[in-house]
């Protein structure tokens, strides 16, 4: 199912849909431009078919993505936002907000009552976005990233 994103820019606007194998090269390019330690192609390939692996598409081009999963954990369903990025030229235009909103709705529809994510301690922009969606810092994980930077685990409960 493709969902148009009103006001996200472009002549055709931005739509959000489930990721397909044909999207993976564009996803990996955005990943490489976004992170100092990017995921490899195979990491994204393994998440194809997950309910919240979504891409934002504008004029036929992938401009952002989110990878989210739902797992059973102690009898409950826990959503996990594993990765999210927007092409550098499309940041600040609401694409990331739209991706996150849709991913959270999909995770909730698949039974998640709580969603977690990890974010670099230094990534204030992302932490602000996550707080807008009700995520709260839960704990710090020292040296989580390969370069030694700490992660902040953030959690959000659905009501």
N, C-alpha and C. Protein backbone atom coordinates (compact mmCIF):
# COMPACT_ATOMS: atom_id res chain seq x y z
N UNK A 1 0.84 -1.18 0.00
CA UNK A 1 0.00 0.00 0.00
C UNK A 1 0.88 1.23 0.00
N UNK A 2 0.62 2.13 -0.88
CA UNK A 2 1.36 3.38 -0.98
C UNK A 2 0.52 4.49 -0.37
N UNK A 3 1.16 5.29 0.48
CA UNK A 3 0.47 6.40 1.12
C UNK A 3 1.12 7.70 0.72
N UNK A 4 0.35 8.63 0.11
CA UNK A 4 0.94 9.93 -0.22
C UNK A 4 1.20 10.73 1.05
N UNK A 5 2.23 11.56 1.00
CA UNK A 5 2.59 12.41 2.12
C UNK A 5 2.33 13.84 1.70
N UNK A 6 1.22 14.44 2.18
CA UNK A 6 0.92 15.80 1.78
C UNK A 6 1.98 16.78 2.25
N UNK A 7 2.32 17.72 1.39
CA UNK A 7 3.22 18.79 1.78
C UNK A 7 4.66 18.39 1.97
N UNK A 8 5.06 17.20 1.52
CA UNK A 8 6.44 16.78 1.71
C UNK A 8 7.34 17.23 0.57
N UNK A 9 6.81 17.94 -0.40
CA UNK A 9 7.63 18.53 -1.45
C UNK A 9 7.56 17.77 -2.75
N UNK A 10 8.18 18.35 -3.78
CA UNK A 10 8.25 17.71 -5.09
C UNK A 10 6.97 17.89 -5.88
N UNK A 11 7.08 17.76 -7.21
CA UNK A 11 5.90 17.91 -8.06
C UNK A 11 4.90 16.80 -7.79
N UNK A 12 5.41 15.59 -7.65
CA UNK A 12 4.53 14.45 -7.42
C UNK A 12 4.32 14.18 -5.93
N UNK A 13 4.99 14.93 -5.05
CA UNK A 13 4.90 14.67 -3.62
C UNK A 13 5.69 13.43 -3.26
N UNK A 14 5.64 13.09 -1.98
CA UNK A 14 6.34 11.92 -1.47
C UNK A 14 5.31 10.89 -1.07
N UNK A 15 5.56 9.64 -1.43
CA UNK A 15 4.68 8.55 -0.98
C UNK A 15 5.53 7.55 -0.20
N UNK A 16 4.87 6.84 0.69
CA UNK A 16 5.54 5.84 1.52
C UNK A 16 4.92 4.50 1.23
N UNK A 17 5.80 3.50 1.01
CA UNK A 17 5.33 2.16 0.69
C UNK A 17 6.34 1.14 1.25
N UNK A 18 5.94 -0.14 1.30
CA UNK A 18 6.89 -1.17 1.72
C UNK A 18 8.09 -1.23 0.78
N UNK A 19 9.25 -1.49 1.36
CA UNK A 19 10.47 -1.61 0.56
C UNK A 19 10.41 -2.86 -0.31
N UNK A 20 11.02 -2.74 -1.47
CA UNK A 20 11.14 -3.86 -2.42
C UNK A 20 12.61 -4.08 -2.73
N UNK A 21 12.93 -5.26 -3.23
CA UNK A 21 14.33 -5.57 -3.55
C UNK A 21 14.93 -4.52 -4.49
N UNK A 22 14.15 -4.01 -5.42
CA UNK A 22 14.64 -3.01 -6.37
C UNK A 22 15.03 -1.70 -5.70
N UNK A 23 14.59 -1.48 -4.46
CA UNK A 23 14.91 -0.25 -3.72
C UNK A 23 16.23 -0.32 -2.99
N UNK A 24 16.78 -1.52 -2.83
CA UNK A 24 17.90 -1.69 -1.91
C UNK A 24 19.16 -0.91 -2.28
N UNK A 25 19.49 -0.79 -3.54
CA UNK A 25 20.68 -0.02 -3.91
C UNK A 25 20.53 1.45 -3.51
N UNK A 26 19.34 2.02 -3.74
CA UNK A 26 19.10 3.40 -3.33
C UNK A 26 19.13 3.54 -1.82
N UNK A 27 18.58 2.58 -1.11
CA UNK A 27 18.61 2.59 0.36
C UNK A 27 20.05 2.57 0.85
N UNK A 28 20.86 1.70 0.27
CA UNK A 28 22.27 1.60 0.68
C UNK A 28 23.02 2.89 0.37
N UNK A 29 22.71 3.54 -0.75
CA UNK A 29 23.36 4.82 -1.06
C UNK A 29 23.02 5.87 0.00
N UNK A 30 21.76 5.93 0.38
CA UNK A 30 21.35 6.89 1.42
C UNK A 30 22.03 6.54 2.74
N UNK A 31 22.07 5.27 3.07
CA UNK A 31 22.74 4.82 4.29
C UNK A 31 24.20 5.26 4.30
N UNK A 32 24.89 5.04 3.19
CA UNK A 32 26.32 5.40 3.10
C UNK A 32 26.55 6.90 3.24
N UNK A 33 25.60 7.71 2.75
CA UNK A 33 25.73 9.16 2.86
C UNK A 33 25.31 9.68 4.23
N UNK A 34 24.67 8.83 5.02
CA UNK A 34 24.08 9.28 6.28
C UNK A 34 24.86 8.89 7.53
N UNK A 35 25.61 7.80 7.47
CA UNK A 35 26.20 7.27 8.68
C UNK A 35 27.68 6.95 8.51
N UNK A 36 28.49 7.20 9.56
CA UNK A 36 29.92 6.90 9.48
C UNK A 36 30.20 5.39 9.45
N UNK A 37 29.29 4.59 9.96
CA UNK A 37 29.44 3.14 9.94
C UNK A 37 28.16 2.53 9.36
N UNK A 38 28.00 2.62 8.05
CA UNK A 38 26.74 2.21 7.42
C UNK A 38 26.54 0.70 7.42
N UNK A 39 25.27 0.32 7.39
CA UNK A 39 24.91 -1.08 7.21
C UNK A 39 25.28 -1.50 5.79
N UNK A 40 25.67 -2.77 5.60
CA UNK A 40 25.91 -3.28 4.25
C UNK A 40 24.59 -3.69 3.57
N UNK A 41 24.66 -3.91 2.29
CA UNK A 41 23.50 -4.33 1.50
C UNK A 41 22.80 -5.52 2.13
N UNK A 42 23.57 -6.53 2.54
CA UNK A 42 22.99 -7.76 3.09
C UNK A 42 22.14 -7.51 4.32
N UNK A 43 22.50 -6.51 5.12
CA UNK A 43 21.71 -6.21 6.32
C UNK A 43 20.30 -5.77 5.92
N UNK A 44 20.20 -4.94 4.90
CA UNK A 44 18.88 -4.50 4.44
C UNK A 44 18.13 -5.65 3.78
N UNK A 45 18.84 -6.45 3.01
CA UNK A 45 18.22 -7.58 2.31
C UNK A 45 17.52 -8.51 3.29
N UNK A 46 18.11 -8.72 4.46
CA UNK A 46 17.50 -9.65 5.43
C UNK A 46 16.20 -9.11 6.03
N UNK A 47 15.97 -7.79 5.94
CA UNK A 47 14.76 -7.21 6.50
C UNK A 47 13.64 -7.02 5.48
N UNK A 48 13.89 -7.35 4.21
CA UNK A 48 12.81 -7.27 3.22
C UNK A 48 11.65 -8.13 3.69
N UNK A 49 10.46 -7.60 3.59
CA UNK A 49 9.29 -8.33 4.03
C UNK A 49 8.88 -8.02 5.46
N UNK A 50 9.75 -7.35 6.22
CA UNK A 50 9.36 -6.93 7.57
C UNK A 50 8.28 -5.85 7.43
N UNK A 51 7.32 -5.85 8.34
CA UNK A 51 6.18 -4.95 8.16
C UNK A 51 6.54 -3.47 8.10
N UNK A 52 7.57 -3.07 8.81
CA UNK A 52 7.91 -1.64 8.85
C UNK A 52 9.24 -1.34 8.18
N UNK A 53 9.59 -2.08 7.13
CA UNK A 53 10.69 -1.67 6.26
C UNK A 53 10.02 -0.91 5.13
N UNK A 54 10.05 0.40 5.25
CA UNK A 54 9.31 1.29 4.36
C UNK A 54 10.27 2.24 3.66
N UNK A 55 9.89 2.67 2.47
CA UNK A 55 10.66 3.67 1.75
C UNK A 55 9.76 4.86 1.42
N UNK A 56 10.37 6.03 1.39
CA UNK A 56 9.71 7.25 0.92
C UNK A 56 10.19 7.47 -0.50
N UNK A 57 9.25 7.67 -1.41
CA UNK A 57 9.57 7.81 -2.83
C UNK A 57 9.02 9.14 -3.33
N UNK A 58 9.88 9.84 -4.07
CA UNK A 58 9.48 11.10 -4.70
C UNK A 58 9.92 11.07 -6.15
N UNK A 59 9.00 11.32 -7.05
CA UNK A 59 9.29 11.31 -8.50
C UNK A 59 10.03 10.05 -8.91
N UNK A 60 9.62 8.91 -8.34
CA UNK A 60 10.21 7.62 -8.70
C UNK A 60 11.52 7.30 -8.01
N UNK A 61 12.05 8.19 -7.20
CA UNK A 61 13.33 7.99 -6.52
C UNK A 61 13.13 7.78 -5.02
N UNK A 62 13.85 6.82 -4.45
CA UNK A 62 13.82 6.62 -3.02
C UNK A 62 14.58 7.77 -2.36
N UNK A 63 13.91 8.46 -1.43
CA UNK A 63 14.52 9.61 -0.76
C UNK A 63 14.69 9.37 0.74
N UNK A 64 14.22 8.24 1.23
CA UNK A 64 14.38 7.91 2.64
C UNK A 64 13.83 6.54 2.92
N UNK A 65 14.13 6.03 4.11
CA UNK A 65 13.66 4.70 4.50
C UNK A 65 13.64 4.58 6.01
N UNK A 66 12.91 3.59 6.47
CA UNK A 66 12.91 3.19 7.87
C UNK A 66 12.85 1.66 7.90
N UNK A 67 13.56 1.07 8.84
CA UNK A 67 13.53 -0.37 9.04
C UNK A 67 13.01 -0.61 10.45
N UNK A 68 11.87 -1.29 10.54
CA UNK A 68 11.28 -1.60 11.83
C UNK A 68 10.78 -3.03 11.87
N UNK A 69 10.89 -3.65 13.04
CA UNK A 69 10.46 -5.04 13.21
C UNK A 69 9.58 -5.15 14.46
N UNK A 70 8.89 -6.27 14.57
CA UNK A 70 8.12 -6.60 15.77
C UNK A 70 8.56 -7.99 16.20
N UNK A 71 8.91 -8.12 17.48
CA UNK A 71 9.32 -9.42 18.03
C UNK A 71 8.58 -9.68 19.32
N UNK A 72 8.30 -10.96 19.55
CA UNK A 72 7.67 -11.35 20.81
C UNK A 72 8.74 -11.37 21.88
N UNK A 73 8.44 -10.72 23.02
CA UNK A 73 9.41 -10.59 24.10
C UNK A 73 8.68 -10.76 25.42
N UNK A 74 8.90 -11.88 26.08
CA UNK A 74 8.24 -12.16 27.36
C UNK A 74 6.73 -12.04 27.26
N UNK A 75 6.16 -12.60 26.19
CA UNK A 75 4.71 -12.62 26.03
C UNK A 75 4.11 -11.35 25.47
N UNK A 76 4.93 -10.35 25.22
CA UNK A 76 4.45 -9.08 24.67
C UNK A 76 5.15 -8.86 23.33
N UNK A 77 4.62 -7.93 22.57
CA UNK A 77 5.23 -7.62 21.28
C UNK A 77 5.97 -6.29 21.37
N UNK A 78 7.25 -6.36 21.04
CA UNK A 78 8.12 -5.19 21.10
C UNK A 78 8.50 -4.77 19.69
N UNK A 79 8.19 -3.53 19.35
CA UNK A 79 8.62 -2.97 18.08
C UNK A 79 10.03 -2.43 18.23
N UNK A 80 10.77 -2.45 17.14
CA UNK A 80 12.15 -1.96 17.16
C UNK A 80 12.41 -1.19 15.87
N UNK A 81 12.64 0.10 16.01
CA UNK A 81 13.08 0.91 14.87
C UNK A 81 14.58 0.71 14.79
N UNK A 82 15.03 0.02 13.77
CA UNK A 82 16.43 -0.36 13.66
C UNK A 82 17.27 0.66 12.90
N UNK A 83 16.66 1.34 11.95
CA UNK A 83 17.41 2.27 11.12
C UNK A 83 16.42 3.21 10.44
N UNK A 84 16.81 4.46 10.30
CA UNK A 84 16.01 5.43 9.57
C UNK A 84 16.95 6.49 9.02
N UNK A 85 16.75 6.86 7.77
CA UNK A 85 17.58 7.91 7.16
C UNK A 85 16.84 8.53 5.99
N UNK A 86 17.20 9.78 5.74
CA UNK A 86 16.65 10.55 4.62
C UNK A 86 17.83 11.08 3.82
N UNK A 87 17.69 11.07 2.51
CA UNK A 87 18.74 11.60 1.64
C UNK A 87 19.11 13.01 2.11
N UNK A 88 20.41 13.33 2.17
CA UNK A 88 20.83 14.64 2.67
C UNK A 88 20.12 15.83 2.02
N UNK A 89 19.81 15.75 0.74
CA UNK A 89 19.14 16.86 0.06
C UNK A 89 17.66 16.98 0.40
N UNK A 90 17.09 15.98 1.07
CA UNK A 90 15.66 15.97 1.39
C UNK A 90 15.40 16.13 2.89
N UNK A 91 16.45 16.34 3.68
CA UNK A 91 16.28 16.48 5.12
C UNK A 91 15.64 17.81 5.47
N UNK A 92 14.89 17.80 6.56
CA UNK A 92 14.24 19.02 7.02
C UNK A 92 12.94 19.34 6.32
N UNK A 93 12.45 18.43 5.49
CA UNK A 93 11.22 18.67 4.72
C UNK A 93 10.07 17.78 5.16
N UNK A 94 10.23 17.06 6.27
CA UNK A 94 9.16 16.23 6.80
C UNK A 94 9.17 14.78 6.36
N UNK A 95 10.16 14.39 5.57
CA UNK A 95 10.21 13.00 5.09
C UNK A 95 10.45 12.04 6.26
N UNK A 96 11.41 12.36 7.10
CA UNK A 96 11.71 11.49 8.26
C UNK A 96 10.53 11.40 9.21
N UNK A 97 9.86 12.52 9.43
CA UNK A 97 8.68 12.54 10.29
C UNK A 97 7.60 11.63 9.72
N UNK A 98 7.37 11.72 8.42
CA UNK A 98 6.35 10.89 7.78
C UNK A 98 6.71 9.41 7.84
N UNK A 99 7.98 9.10 7.61
CA UNK A 99 8.42 7.70 7.70
C UNK A 99 8.22 7.15 9.11
N UNK A 100 8.62 7.91 10.10
CA UNK A 100 8.50 7.45 11.48
C UNK A 100 7.03 7.30 11.87
N UNK A 101 6.19 8.25 11.49
CA UNK A 101 4.76 8.17 11.80
C UNK A 101 4.16 6.89 11.22
N UNK A 102 4.46 6.64 9.96
CA UNK A 102 3.91 5.44 9.30
C UNK A 102 4.46 4.17 9.91
N UNK A 103 5.76 4.13 10.21
CA UNK A 103 6.37 2.93 10.81
C UNK A 103 5.74 2.63 12.17
N UNK A 104 5.51 3.65 12.98
CA UNK A 104 4.90 3.43 14.29
C UNK A 104 3.48 2.89 14.14
N UNK A 105 2.73 3.40 13.17
CA UNK A 105 1.38 2.90 12.93
C UNK A 105 1.41 1.43 12.50
N UNK A 106 2.35 1.09 11.64
CA UNK A 106 2.48 -0.30 11.17
C UNK A 106 2.87 -1.22 12.33
N UNK A 107 3.83 -0.79 13.15
CA UNK A 107 4.25 -1.61 14.29
C UNK A 107 3.09 -1.82 15.27
N UNK A 108 2.33 -0.78 15.53
CA UNK A 108 1.17 -0.90 16.43
C UNK A 108 0.14 -1.86 15.83
N UNK A 109 -0.10 -1.75 14.52
CA UNK A 109 -1.06 -2.63 13.86
C UNK A 109 -0.62 -4.09 13.90
N UNK A 110 0.68 -4.32 14.04
CA UNK A 110 1.22 -5.68 14.14
C UNK A 110 1.40 -6.12 15.59
N UNK A 111 0.76 -5.41 16.51
CA UNK A 111 0.70 -5.86 17.89
C UNK A 111 1.70 -5.27 18.85
N UNK A 112 2.60 -4.42 18.39
CA UNK A 112 3.59 -3.85 19.30
C UNK A 112 2.90 -2.93 20.30
N UNK A 113 3.21 -3.13 21.59
CA UNK A 113 2.68 -2.21 22.58
C UNK A 113 3.76 -1.25 23.07
N UNK A 114 4.99 -1.56 22.73
CA UNK A 114 6.14 -0.71 23.05
C UNK A 114 7.08 -0.74 21.85
N UNK A 115 7.73 0.39 21.59
CA UNK A 115 8.73 0.46 20.51
C UNK A 115 10.00 1.03 21.11
N UNK A 116 11.13 0.44 20.70
CA UNK A 116 12.42 0.95 21.15
C UNK A 116 13.26 1.30 19.94
N UNK A 117 14.28 2.09 20.19
CA UNK A 117 15.28 2.41 19.18
C UNK A 117 16.56 2.82 19.89
N UNK A 118 17.65 2.80 19.15
CA UNK A 118 18.93 3.28 19.65
C UNK A 118 19.34 4.46 18.80
N UNK A 119 19.94 5.45 19.45
CA UNK A 119 20.39 6.64 18.75
C UNK A 119 21.75 7.04 19.32
N UNK A 120 22.61 7.55 18.45
CA UNK A 120 23.91 8.03 18.93
C UNK A 120 23.70 9.13 19.96
N UNK A 121 24.50 9.07 20.99
CA UNK A 121 24.41 10.08 22.06
C UNK A 121 24.55 11.49 21.49
N UNK A 122 25.37 11.65 20.44
CA UNK A 122 25.63 12.98 19.86
C UNK A 122 24.57 13.44 18.86
N UNK A 123 23.61 12.59 18.52
CA UNK A 123 22.66 12.92 17.45
C UNK A 123 21.44 13.66 18.02
N UNK A 124 21.65 14.93 18.35
CA UNK A 124 20.59 15.72 18.97
C UNK A 124 19.39 15.91 18.05
N UNK A 125 19.62 16.05 16.76
CA UNK A 125 18.51 16.24 15.82
C UNK A 125 17.57 15.04 15.83
N UNK A 126 18.14 13.84 15.78
CA UNK A 126 17.31 12.64 15.81
C UNK A 126 16.60 12.50 17.15
N UNK A 127 17.30 12.78 18.24
CA UNK A 127 16.68 12.66 19.56
C UNK A 127 15.49 13.62 19.68
N UNK A 128 15.59 14.82 19.13
CA UNK A 128 14.46 15.77 19.15
C UNK A 128 13.27 15.18 18.39
N UNK A 129 13.54 14.62 17.21
CA UNK A 129 12.47 14.01 16.41
C UNK A 129 11.80 12.89 17.21
N UNK A 130 12.59 12.03 17.81
CA UNK A 130 12.02 10.89 18.53
C UNK A 130 11.20 11.36 19.74
N UNK A 131 11.65 12.41 20.40
CA UNK A 131 10.88 12.94 21.54
C UNK A 131 9.52 13.47 21.08
N UNK A 132 9.47 14.04 19.87
CA UNK A 132 8.19 14.53 19.33
C UNK A 132 7.18 13.39 19.17
N UNK A 133 7.69 12.17 19.02
CA UNK A 133 6.83 11.00 18.86
C UNK A 133 6.63 10.25 20.17
N UNK A 134 7.02 10.85 21.27
CA UNK A 134 6.77 10.24 22.57
C UNK A 134 7.85 9.31 23.07
N UNK A 135 8.98 9.24 22.38
CA UNK A 135 10.08 8.40 22.86
C UNK A 135 10.77 9.10 24.02
N UNK A 136 11.11 8.33 25.03
CA UNK A 136 11.83 8.84 26.19
C UNK A 136 13.12 8.06 26.36
N UNK A 137 14.19 8.73 26.81
CA UNK A 137 15.44 8.00 27.08
C UNK A 137 15.19 6.93 28.13
N UNK A 138 15.71 5.75 27.89
CA UNK A 138 15.54 4.62 28.80
C UNK A 138 16.85 4.27 29.49
N UNK A 139 17.91 4.16 28.68
CA UNK A 139 19.23 3.88 29.26
C UNK A 139 20.31 4.21 28.24
N UNK A 140 21.53 4.30 28.73
CA UNK A 140 22.70 4.55 27.89
C UNK A 140 23.47 3.24 27.76
N UNK A 141 23.95 2.97 26.55
CA UNK A 141 24.76 1.77 26.31
C UNK A 141 26.16 2.23 25.92
N UNK A 142 27.12 2.13 26.84
CA UNK A 142 28.48 2.59 26.55
C UNK A 142 29.11 1.81 25.39
N UNK A 143 29.77 2.54 24.49
CA UNK A 143 30.52 1.93 23.39
C UNK A 143 29.69 1.12 22.43
N UNK A 144 28.43 1.42 22.28
CA UNK A 144 27.51 0.65 21.43
C UNK A 144 27.96 0.65 19.96
N UNK A 145 28.40 1.80 19.49
CA UNK A 145 28.79 1.91 18.08
C UNK A 145 30.24 1.54 17.90
N UNK A 146 30.57 1.09 16.70
CA UNK A 146 31.91 0.60 16.40
C UNK A 146 33.02 1.60 16.65
N UNK A 147 32.68 2.90 16.62
CA UNK A 147 33.71 3.91 16.87
C UNK A 147 33.80 4.27 18.35
N UNK A 148 33.05 3.52 19.18
CA UNK A 148 33.12 3.72 20.62
C UNK A 148 32.07 4.66 21.19
N UNK A 149 31.28 5.31 20.33
CA UNK A 149 30.27 6.23 20.84
C UNK A 149 29.15 5.47 21.54
N UNK A 150 28.63 6.09 22.59
CA UNK A 150 27.52 5.52 23.34
C UNK A 150 26.22 5.66 22.56
N UNK A 151 25.29 4.74 22.85
CA UNK A 151 23.94 4.84 22.33
C UNK A 151 23.00 5.19 23.47
N UNK A 152 21.94 5.89 23.13
CA UNK A 152 20.84 6.11 24.05
C UNK A 152 19.69 5.24 23.55
N UNK A 153 19.22 4.34 24.39
CA UNK A 153 18.04 3.54 24.06
C UNK A 153 16.84 4.39 24.45
N UNK A 154 15.93 4.56 23.51
CA UNK A 154 14.72 5.34 23.75
C UNK A 154 13.52 4.39 23.58
N UNK A 155 12.49 4.62 24.39
CA UNK A 155 11.31 3.76 24.37
C UNK A 155 10.05 4.60 24.24
N UNK A 156 9.05 4.00 23.63
CA UNK A 156 7.73 4.62 23.54
C UNK A 156 6.69 3.54 23.75
N UNK A 157 5.77 3.77 24.66
CA UNK A 157 4.67 2.85 24.88
C UNK A 157 3.43 3.36 24.16
N UNK A 158 2.69 2.44 23.54
CA UNK A 158 1.41 2.80 22.94
C UNK A 158 0.35 2.69 24.02
N UNK A 159 -0.63 3.56 23.95
CA UNK A 159 -1.69 3.54 24.96
C UNK A 159 -2.87 2.73 24.49
